[in-house]
Amino acid sequence: MRLQVTVDSSTYRQLVEFATSMSYPGLLTKYICHRVNATVTGLPQSQFETCEPRPKLGGCLVTRWVWRNPEEVEEQHALRNAE
C-alpha cells in the first residue's frame, strides 16, 4: 500500500480540553489535540485493521479503522465536550 499525504497547514487548530482520564478514573487530565486537514491517497475504501507488534508483551495490538464523515466526528466531539 503506497500512501501519499498532503497537509493543508492553513487549517491547523490546537484544541485544549480538560476531562476525566479514561485510564485513571477521577484523575483530571489535560488533552491537547492538534488538527489539520489532509488528503491521503492510497488508503483502502472500506474498513480495515492494522497490527502493531508488541515484542515485550508478545502478540500485537490490533486497531480497527472505519471511515466517518467530518460532520459525524464533529458532532461526537461536541457531545463529549458537553458532558
N, C-alpha and C. Protein backbone atom coordinates (compact mmCIF):
# COMPACT_ATOMS: atom_id res chain seq x y z
N MET A 1 0.85 -1.17 0.00
CA MET A 1 0.00 0.00 0.00
C MET A 1 0.91 1.24 0.00
N ARG A 2 0.85 2.04 -1.05
CA ARG A 2 1.65 3.27 -1.17
C ARG A 2 0.77 4.46 -0.83
N LEU A 3 1.13 5.17 0.26
CA LEU A 3 0.34 6.31 0.71
C LEU A 3 1.02 7.62 0.35
N GLN A 4 0.20 8.62 0.06
CA GLN A 4 0.71 9.97 -0.13
C GLN A 4 -0.17 10.90 0.69
N VAL A 5 0.45 11.73 1.53
CA VAL A 5 -0.28 12.64 2.40
C VAL A 5 0.04 14.08 2.01
N THR A 6 -1.01 14.87 1.80
CA THR A 6 -0.85 16.30 1.54
C THR A 6 -1.57 17.04 2.65
N VAL A 7 -0.81 17.81 3.45
CA VAL A 7 -1.36 18.53 4.60
C VAL A 7 -1.63 19.98 4.22
N ASP A 8 -2.81 20.47 4.58
CA ASP A 8 -3.17 21.88 4.38
C ASP A 8 -2.83 22.62 5.67
N SER A 9 -1.63 23.20 5.76
CA SER A 9 -1.17 23.82 7.00
C SER A 9 -2.00 25.04 7.40
N SER A 10 -2.75 25.62 6.47
CA SER A 10 -3.59 26.78 6.81
C SER A 10 -4.78 26.38 7.68
N THR A 11 -5.04 25.08 7.82
CA THR A 11 -6.19 24.61 8.60
C THR A 11 -5.79 24.20 10.02
N TYR A 12 -4.54 24.41 10.40
CA TYR A 12 -4.06 23.99 11.73
C TYR A 12 -4.89 24.62 12.84
N ARG A 13 -5.31 23.76 13.80
CA ARG A 13 -6.01 24.20 15.01
C ARG A 13 -5.46 23.42 16.19
N GLN A 14 -5.31 24.11 17.32
CA GLN A 14 -4.93 23.43 18.56
C GLN A 14 -6.13 23.52 19.50
N LEU A 15 -6.57 22.36 19.99
CA LEU A 15 -7.69 22.30 20.91
C LEU A 15 -7.19 21.80 22.26
N VAL A 16 -7.54 22.52 23.32
CA VAL A 16 -7.17 22.11 24.67
C VAL A 16 -8.44 21.74 25.40
N GLU A 17 -8.42 20.58 26.02
CA GLU A 17 -9.62 20.07 26.68
C GLU A 17 -9.22 19.43 28.01
N PHE A 18 -10.02 19.68 29.03
CA PHE A 18 -9.82 19.04 30.32
C PHE A 18 -10.95 18.04 30.53
N ALA A 19 -10.60 16.83 30.91
CA ALA A 19 -11.60 15.79 31.11
C ALA A 19 -11.05 14.76 32.09
N THR A 20 -11.94 13.95 32.61
CA THR A 20 -11.53 12.86 33.48
C THR A 20 -10.84 11.80 32.64
N SER A 21 -9.70 11.33 33.10
CA SER A 21 -8.94 10.32 32.38
C SER A 21 -9.74 9.05 32.20
N MET A 22 -9.68 8.48 31.00
CA MET A 22 -10.35 7.21 30.75
C MET A 22 -9.55 6.06 31.37
N SER A 23 -8.24 6.23 31.46
CA SER A 23 -7.37 5.19 32.02
C SER A 23 -7.33 5.21 33.54
N TYR A 24 -7.45 6.42 34.11
CA TYR A 24 -7.38 6.59 35.56
C TYR A 24 -8.60 7.39 36.03
N PRO A 25 -9.73 6.73 36.22
CA PRO A 25 -10.96 7.43 36.63
C PRO A 25 -10.71 8.32 37.85
N GLY A 26 -11.24 9.55 37.77
CA GLY A 26 -11.08 10.50 38.85
C GLY A 26 -9.91 11.45 38.66
N LEU A 27 -9.01 11.14 37.75
CA LEU A 27 -7.85 11.99 37.51
C LEU A 27 -8.18 13.00 36.41
N LEU A 28 -8.16 14.30 36.75
CA LEU A 28 -8.40 15.34 35.76
C LEU A 28 -7.19 15.41 34.84
N THR A 29 -7.44 15.38 33.55
CA THR A 29 -6.36 15.30 32.57
C THR A 29 -6.50 16.41 31.54
N LYS A 30 -5.38 16.97 31.13
CA LYS A 30 -5.36 17.97 30.07
C LYS A 30 -4.99 17.29 28.76
N TYR A 31 -5.87 17.39 27.79
CA TYR A 31 -5.64 16.82 26.46
C TYR A 31 -5.38 17.97 25.49
N ILE A 32 -4.32 17.86 24.71
CA ILE A 32 -4.03 18.85 23.68
C ILE A 32 -4.09 18.13 22.34
N CYS A 33 -5.01 18.59 21.50
CA CYS A 33 -5.23 17.96 20.20
C CYS A 33 -4.82 18.94 19.10
N HIS A 34 -3.98 18.48 18.21
CA HIS A 34 -3.55 19.27 17.07
C HIS A 34 -4.29 18.73 15.84
N ARG A 35 -4.98 19.62 15.12
CA ARG A 35 -5.76 19.17 13.97
C ARG A 35 -5.36 19.92 12.71
N VAL A 36 -5.33 19.19 11.62
CA VAL A 36 -5.15 19.77 10.29
C VAL A 36 -6.01 18.98 9.32
N ASN A 37 -6.34 19.60 8.23
CA ASN A 37 -7.00 18.87 7.15
C ASN A 37 -5.89 18.29 6.27
N ALA A 38 -6.09 17.06 5.85
CA ALA A 38 -5.10 16.42 5.00
C ALA A 38 -5.82 15.54 3.98
N THR A 39 -5.19 15.39 2.85
CA THR A 39 -5.68 14.48 1.82
C THR A 39 -4.70 13.32 1.75
N VAL A 40 -5.23 12.11 1.88
CA VAL A 40 -4.39 10.92 1.86
C VAL A 40 -4.87 10.04 0.71
N THR A 41 -3.95 9.69 -0.17
CA THR A 41 -4.30 8.79 -1.27
C THR A 41 -3.65 7.44 -1.01
N GLY A 42 -4.28 6.39 -1.49
CA GLY A 42 -3.74 5.04 -1.36
C GLY A 42 -4.31 4.25 -0.20
N LEU A 43 -5.29 4.81 0.52
CA LEU A 43 -5.91 4.08 1.63
C LEU A 43 -7.03 3.18 1.11
N PRO A 44 -7.31 2.09 1.83
CA PRO A 44 -8.45 1.25 1.44
C PRO A 44 -9.75 2.03 1.55
N GLN A 45 -10.72 1.72 0.73
CA GLN A 45 -12.00 2.41 0.75
C GLN A 45 -12.95 1.86 1.81
N SER A 46 -12.68 0.66 2.30
CA SER A 46 -13.55 0.04 3.30
C SER A 46 -12.82 -0.07 4.63
N GLN A 47 -13.51 -0.58 5.64
CA GLN A 47 -12.91 -0.76 6.96
C GLN A 47 -11.69 -1.67 6.84
N PHE A 48 -10.69 -1.44 7.71
CA PHE A 48 -9.50 -2.28 7.71
C PHE A 48 -8.90 -2.30 9.10
N GLU A 49 -7.88 -3.15 9.30
CA GLU A 49 -7.22 -3.21 10.60
C GLU A 49 -5.71 -3.27 10.40
N THR A 50 -5.01 -2.77 11.43
CA THR A 50 -3.55 -2.83 11.43
C THR A 50 -3.10 -3.60 12.67
N CYS A 51 -1.91 -4.16 12.60
CA CYS A 51 -1.34 -4.93 13.71
C CYS A 51 0.01 -4.33 14.06
N GLU A 52 0.13 -3.81 15.29
CA GLU A 52 1.38 -3.22 15.76
C GLU A 52 2.05 -4.22 16.70
N PRO A 53 3.23 -4.75 16.31
CA PRO A 53 3.90 -5.76 17.14
C PRO A 53 4.19 -5.24 18.55
N ARG A 54 4.02 -6.12 19.54
CA ARG A 54 4.32 -5.82 20.95
C ARG A 54 5.34 -6.84 21.44
N PRO A 55 6.64 -6.64 21.10
CA PRO A 55 7.67 -7.63 21.42
C PRO A 55 7.76 -7.98 22.90
N LYS A 56 7.66 -6.98 23.79
CA LYS A 56 7.81 -7.25 25.22
C LYS A 56 6.61 -8.01 25.79
N LEU A 57 5.43 -7.77 25.23
CA LEU A 57 4.22 -8.42 25.73
C LEU A 57 3.86 -9.65 24.92
N GLY A 58 4.40 -9.75 23.73
CA GLY A 58 4.03 -10.83 22.83
C GLY A 58 2.78 -10.46 22.04
N GLY A 59 2.66 -10.98 20.86
CA GLY A 59 1.49 -10.70 20.04
C GLY A 59 1.56 -9.32 19.42
N CYS A 60 0.38 -8.78 19.15
CA CYS A 60 0.32 -7.45 18.55
C CYS A 60 -0.93 -6.72 19.00
N LEU A 61 -0.87 -5.40 18.87
CA LEU A 61 -2.02 -4.55 19.18
C LEU A 61 -2.79 -4.36 17.88
N VAL A 62 -4.01 -4.85 17.83
CA VAL A 62 -4.84 -4.73 16.63
C VAL A 62 -5.72 -3.50 16.75
N THR A 63 -5.66 -2.63 15.74
CA THR A 63 -6.50 -1.43 15.68
C THR A 63 -7.41 -1.56 14.47
N ARG A 64 -8.70 -1.39 14.69
CA ARG A 64 -9.67 -1.45 13.60
C ARG A 64 -10.04 -0.04 13.20
N TRP A 65 -10.00 0.24 11.90
CA TRP A 65 -10.24 1.58 11.37
C TRP A 65 -11.54 1.59 10.57
N VAL A 66 -12.27 2.69 10.72
CA VAL A 66 -13.52 2.86 9.99
C VAL A 66 -13.59 4.32 9.54
N TRP A 67 -14.17 4.56 8.39
CA TRP A 67 -14.29 5.91 7.86
C TRP A 67 -15.57 6.57 8.34
N ARG A 68 -15.47 7.84 8.72
CA ARG A 68 -16.63 8.62 9.15
C ARG A 68 -16.60 9.96 8.42
N ASN A 69 -17.77 10.53 8.21
CA ASN A 69 -17.79 11.84 7.58
C ASN A 69 -17.46 12.90 8.63
N PRO A 70 -16.92 14.05 8.22
CA PRO A 70 -16.49 15.09 9.18
C PRO A 70 -17.61 15.56 10.10
N GLU A 71 -18.83 15.65 9.60
CA GLU A 71 -19.95 16.12 10.42
C GLU A 71 -20.19 15.18 11.60
N GLU A 72 -20.12 13.88 11.36
CA GLU A 72 -20.33 12.89 12.41
C GLU A 72 -19.24 13.00 13.48
N VAL A 73 -18.01 13.22 13.07
CA VAL A 73 -16.90 13.34 14.01
C VAL A 73 -17.07 14.59 14.87
N GLU A 74 -17.39 15.72 14.23
CA GLU A 74 -17.58 16.97 14.97
C GLU A 74 -18.74 16.86 15.96
N GLU A 75 -19.83 16.18 15.54
CA GLU A 75 -20.98 16.01 16.42
C GLU A 75 -20.61 15.19 17.65
N GLN A 76 -19.87 14.11 17.45
CA GLN A 76 -19.44 13.28 18.58
C GLN A 76 -18.51 14.06 19.51
N HIS A 77 -17.64 14.87 18.93
CA HIS A 77 -16.72 15.68 19.73
C HIS A 77 -17.51 16.69 20.58
N ALA A 78 -18.51 17.32 19.98
CA ALA A 78 -19.32 18.30 20.69
C ALA A 78 -20.10 17.64 21.83
N LEU A 79 -20.64 16.45 21.60
CA LEU A 79 -21.37 15.73 22.63
C LEU A 79 -20.45 15.36 23.79
N ARG A 80 -19.25 14.93 23.49
CA ARG A 80 -18.30 14.56 24.53
C ARG A 80 -17.92 15.77 25.37
N ASN A 81 -17.76 16.94 24.73
CA ASN A 81 -17.40 18.16 25.46
C ASN A 81 -18.54 18.67 26.33
N ALA A 82 -19.78 18.31 25.97
CA ALA A 82 -20.94 18.79 26.72
C ALA A 82 -21.12 18.02 28.03
N GLU A 83 -20.47 16.88 28.16
CA GLU A 83 -20.64 16.04 29.36
C GLU A 83 -19.93 16.62 30.56
